[in-house]
Amino acid sequence: EFWNLILYSQLIGVKIVNNKPFISNEVKEILFGSLLGDGKLELPPRGLNARFGFTQSLDKKDYFLSVLNSLPEICTGKYRETFYLDQRTGKTYTNLNFWSKSLPVLNEFYLKFYDGKVKIVPLDLSLLTPLALAHWVMQDGSRGTSKGLYICTDSFTHADVQRLSQYLSNKYYIKCSIHKSGGNYRIYILAKSVETVKNLILPFMHKTMTYKLGV
């Protein structure tokens, strides 16, 4: 069984350490930040292992490709374009998406990020590094009217959003508040802390996304 695992890993390009598939910390951090943002994990109905999926609109193609190209340990490099009709505007839009390989190493992320089929915030936030935070901001960040920074956390519960906010405050001294939007909750990073965020994540930001930091 071990040699079968070695052979399989060589075929799909995943390293093995101590008999287990291994992915680098950099990939883990990108996955973590993206799963807080636009990324998702799926366990196929008949599959044993989870796979990572990522979608962006066509206007964010440069950033989308940078994410795809930074995950060679788990992805083939292939992606698809999909088209959909927006009933409200009557216009057709283009999305870009890719799926990773289905791998045992992604199951640990699935267990942390999903309760059944619902995406949640993991209890352990230690992978929310500056690199992970950069991807989270690039995917879900938007400039506030008062030069602050919103992070769209609409899909998470108030308790989850509160924990994320407290982690940013305790770990990085980022001053946050939580704003209610409809029945959802968003993190608002105060204008005085945006400079702190810039210093942390600007080195990891894709050049097409720095506008979210007012750069």
Protein backbone atom coordinates (compact mmCIF):
# COMPACT_ATOMS: atom_id res chain seq x y z
CA GLU A 1 0.00 0.00 0.00
CA PHE A 2 2.85 2.39 0.87
CA TRP A 3 4.57 1.80 -2.50
CA ASN A 4 1.26 2.29 -4.28
CA LEU A 5 0.97 5.64 -2.48
CA ILE A 6 4.50 6.58 -3.55
CA LEU A 7 3.77 5.63 -7.17
CA TYR A 8 0.45 7.52 -7.16
CA SER A 9 2.07 10.59 -5.63
CA GLN A 10 4.75 10.62 -8.32
CA LEU A 11 2.09 10.42 -11.01
CA ILE A 12 0.16 13.41 -9.63
CA GLY A 13 3.18 15.37 -8.41
CA VAL A 14 2.56 15.38 -4.64
CA LYS A 15 5.48 14.92 -2.26
CA ILE A 16 5.38 12.23 0.43
CA VAL A 17 6.74 12.85 3.92
CA ASN A 18 6.48 10.20 6.65
CA ASN A 19 4.15 8.16 4.46
CA LYS A 20 1.74 11.13 4.09
CA PRO A 21 1.20 13.49 1.15
CA PHE A 22 2.85 16.83 1.87
CA ILE A 23 2.09 20.34 0.69
CA SER A 24 4.21 23.38 1.48
CA ASN A 25 3.28 25.99 4.09
CA GLU A 26 2.93 28.56 1.32
CA VAL A 27 0.24 26.47 -0.39
CA LYS A 28 -1.51 25.86 2.94
CA GLU A 29 -1.59 29.60 3.65
CA ILE A 30 -2.95 30.44 0.19
CA LEU A 31 -5.62 27.76 0.64
CA PHE A 32 -6.49 29.06 4.11
CA GLY A 33 -6.88 32.67 2.96
CA SER A 34 -8.85 31.58 -0.11
CA LEU A 35 -11.18 29.37 1.91
CA LEU A 36 -12.01 32.38 4.08
CA GLY A 37 -12.68 34.14 0.75
CA ASP A 38 -13.92 32.80 -2.59
CA GLY A 39 -12.43 29.31 -2.42
CA LYS A 40 -14.39 26.17 -1.65
CA LEU A 41 -13.85 22.50 -0.96
CA GLU A 42 -15.93 19.65 -2.26
CA LEU A 43 -16.13 15.99 -1.33
CA PRO A 44 -17.39 14.20 -4.46
CA PRO A 45 -20.33 11.84 -3.70
CA ARG A 46 -18.31 8.71 -4.47
CA GLY A 47 -14.86 10.14 -3.76
CA LEU A 48 -12.70 9.62 -0.70
CA ASN A 49 -10.77 12.87 -0.97
CA ALA A 50 -11.65 16.55 -1.09
CA ARG A 51 -10.76 18.93 -3.91
CA PHE A 52 -10.32 22.71 -3.91
CA GLY A 53 -12.30 24.93 -6.27
CA PHE A 54 -11.80 28.59 -7.11
CA THR A 55 -13.83 31.01 -9.24
CA GLN A 56 -13.26 34.63 -10.26
CA SER A 57 -14.87 36.94 -12.79
CA LEU A 58 -13.12 37.53 -16.12
CA ASP A 59 -11.97 41.04 -15.13
CA LYS A 60 -9.84 39.43 -12.38
CA LYS A 61 -8.13 37.01 -14.77
CA ASP A 62 -4.57 38.10 -13.90
CA TYR A 63 -5.13 37.47 -10.22
CA PHE A 64 -7.01 34.22 -10.93
CA LEU A 65 -4.07 32.88 -12.95
CA SER A 66 -1.61 33.93 -10.24
CA VAL A 67 -3.54 31.81 -7.72
CA LEU A 68 -3.67 28.86 -10.11
CA ASN A 69 0.04 29.13 -10.87
CA SER A 70 0.93 29.28 -7.17
CA LEU A 71 -0.71 25.89 -6.50
CA PRO A 72 1.24 23.49 -8.75
CA GLU A 73 1.48 20.99 -5.88
CA ILE A 74 -2.26 20.35 -6.03
CA CYS A 75 -3.40 21.63 -9.46
CA THR A 76 -2.84 20.66 -13.08
CA GLY A 77 -2.81 24.25 -14.33
CA LYS A 78 -5.99 23.80 -16.36
CA TYR A 79 -9.04 26.04 -15.95
CA ARG A 80 -12.38 26.66 -17.63
CA GLU A 81 -14.41 29.64 -18.73
CA THR A 82 -18.13 29.52 -17.95
CA PHE A 83 -20.83 31.90 -19.12
CA TYR A 84 -24.01 32.89 -17.33
CA LEU A 85 -26.91 35.21 -18.02
CA ASP A 86 -27.73 37.71 -15.29
CA GLN A 87 -31.54 37.85 -15.25
CA ARG A 88 -31.50 41.30 -13.63
CA THR A 89 -29.32 43.01 -16.24
CA GLY A 90 -29.94 40.74 -19.22
CA LYS A 91 -26.17 40.64 -19.79
CA THR A 92 -23.96 37.59 -20.19
CA TYR A 93 -20.92 37.39 -17.91
CA THR A 94 -17.83 35.19 -17.94
CA ASN A 95 -16.35 33.39 -14.96
CA LEU A 96 -13.06 31.52 -14.70
CA ASN A 97 -12.80 28.46 -12.49
CA PHE A 98 -10.52 25.57 -11.68
CA TRP A 99 -10.58 22.48 -9.49
CA SER A 100 -7.56 20.93 -7.84
CA LYS A 101 -6.83 17.22 -7.81
CA SER A 102 -8.73 15.25 -5.16
CA LEU A 103 -6.14 14.59 -2.47
CA PRO A 104 -6.07 13.11 1.05
CA VAL A 105 -4.10 16.16 2.22
CA LEU A 106 -7.11 18.39 1.46
CA ASN A 107 -9.37 16.38 3.76
CA GLU A 108 -7.86 18.07 6.83
CA PHE A 109 -8.93 21.44 5.41
CA TYR A 110 -12.40 20.08 4.72
CA LEU A 111 -12.77 18.89 8.33
CA LYS A 112 -11.73 22.32 9.62
CA PHE A 113 -13.75 24.46 7.19
CA TYR A 114 -17.00 22.54 6.83
CA ASP A 115 -19.82 21.51 9.11
CA GLY A 116 -21.73 19.17 6.85
CA LYS A 117 -21.95 21.15 3.61
CA VAL A 118 -21.78 24.56 5.30
CA LYS A 119 -18.51 26.52 5.24
CA ILE A 120 -17.43 27.72 8.69
CA VAL A 121 -14.42 29.47 10.22
CA PRO A 122 -11.90 27.02 11.71
CA LEU A 123 -11.23 27.15 15.43
CA ASP A 124 -7.48 27.19 14.76
CA LEU A 125 -6.58 30.41 12.92
CA SER A 126 -2.79 30.00 13.07
CA LEU A 127 -2.61 29.72 9.24
CA LEU A 128 -4.05 33.23 8.93
CA THR A 129 -0.58 34.56 8.12
CA PRO A 130 0.16 37.78 6.19
CA LEU A 131 0.15 35.71 2.96
CA ALA A 132 -3.24 34.19 3.81
CA LEU A 133 -4.57 37.61 4.85
CA ALA A 134 -3.41 39.07 1.52
CA HIS A 135 -5.45 36.52 -0.45
CA TRP A 136 -8.46 37.00 1.81
CA VAL A 137 -8.33 40.77 1.24
CA MET A 138 -7.75 40.38 -2.52
CA GLN A 139 -10.86 38.21 -2.75
CA ASP A 140 -13.22 39.75 -0.19
CA GLY A 141 -11.81 43.18 0.62
CA SER A 142 -13.29 46.50 -0.50
CA ARG A 143 -12.54 50.13 0.27
CA GLY A 144 -14.86 51.83 2.73
CA THR A 145 -16.12 55.38 2.20
CA SER A 146 -14.06 56.62 5.16
CA LYS A 147 -10.77 55.09 3.91
CA GLY A 148 -11.32 51.99 6.01
CA LEU A 149 -11.37 48.45 4.64
CA TYR A 150 -14.32 46.08 4.57
CA ILE A 151 -13.87 42.33 4.47
CA CYS A 152 -17.01 40.64 3.22
CA THR A 153 -17.76 37.83 5.68
CA ASP A 154 -21.46 37.59 4.85
CA SER A 155 -21.57 33.79 4.74
CA PHE A 156 -20.24 33.33 8.29
CA THR A 157 -22.07 33.51 11.61
CA HIS A 158 -21.70 36.45 13.98
CA ALA A 159 -19.63 34.29 16.37
CA ASP A 160 -17.27 33.28 13.55
CA VAL A 161 -16.87 36.87 12.36
CA GLN A 162 -16.22 37.97 15.94
CA ARG A 163 -13.44 35.38 16.31
CA LEU A 164 -11.80 36.51 13.07
CA SER A 165 -11.99 40.13 14.18
CA GLN A 166 -10.47 39.31 17.58
CA TYR A 167 -7.67 37.32 15.96
CA LEU A 168 -6.73 40.23 13.69
CA SER A 169 -6.74 42.51 16.71
CA ASN A 170 -4.76 40.22 19.03
CA LYS A 171 -2.26 38.89 16.49
CA TYR A 172 -1.63 41.90 14.28
CA TYR A 173 -2.97 44.84 16.33
CA ILE A 174 -5.48 45.62 13.61
CA LYS A 175 -8.40 47.64 14.95
CA CYS A 176 -11.70 46.19 13.69
CA SER A 177 -15.40 46.59 14.23
CA ILE A 178 -18.27 44.43 13.00
CA HIS A 179 -20.93 46.01 10.80
CA LYS A 180 -24.31 44.45 10.14
CA SER A 181 -25.40 44.33 6.50
CA GLY A 182 -28.91 43.01 6.09
CA GLY A 183 -28.88 39.86 8.19
CA ASN A 184 -25.13 39.37 7.70
CA TYR A 185 -21.95 40.58 9.38
CA ARG A 186 -18.84 42.18 7.91
CA ILE A 187 -15.46 43.06 9.36
CA TYR A 188 -14.59 46.73 9.07
CA ILE A 189 -10.91 47.62 9.53
CA LEU A 190 -10.65 51.17 10.80
CA ALA A 191 -8.85 53.72 8.61
CA LYS A 192 -6.11 54.14 11.24
CA SER A 193 -5.27 50.42 10.93
CA VAL A 194 -5.19 50.24 7.12
CA GLU A 195 -1.52 51.28 7.19
CA THR A 196 -0.80 48.32 9.48
CA VAL A 197 -2.57 46.03 7.00
CA LYS A 198 -0.59 47.53 4.09
CA ASN A 199 2.73 46.87 5.84
CA LEU A 200 1.71 43.27 6.47
CA ILE A 201 0.27 42.22 3.14
CA LEU A 202 1.45 44.57 0.37
CA PRO A 203 4.49 42.35 -0.42
CA PHE A 204 2.05 39.49 -1.19
CA MET A 205 -0.56 41.48 -3.11
CA HIS A 206 -1.00 40.99 -6.85
CA LYS A 207 -0.38 44.30 -8.63
CA THR A 208 -3.94 44.33 -10.01
CA MET A 209 -5.38 44.16 -6.48
CA THR A 210 -3.44 46.83 -4.59
CA TYR A 211 -6.25 49.34 -5.29
CA LYS A 212 -8.15 47.64 -2.47
CA LEU A 213 -5.57 49.15 -0.12
CA GLY A 214 -5.77 52.54 -1.79
CA VAL A 215 -2.40 52.03 -3.52
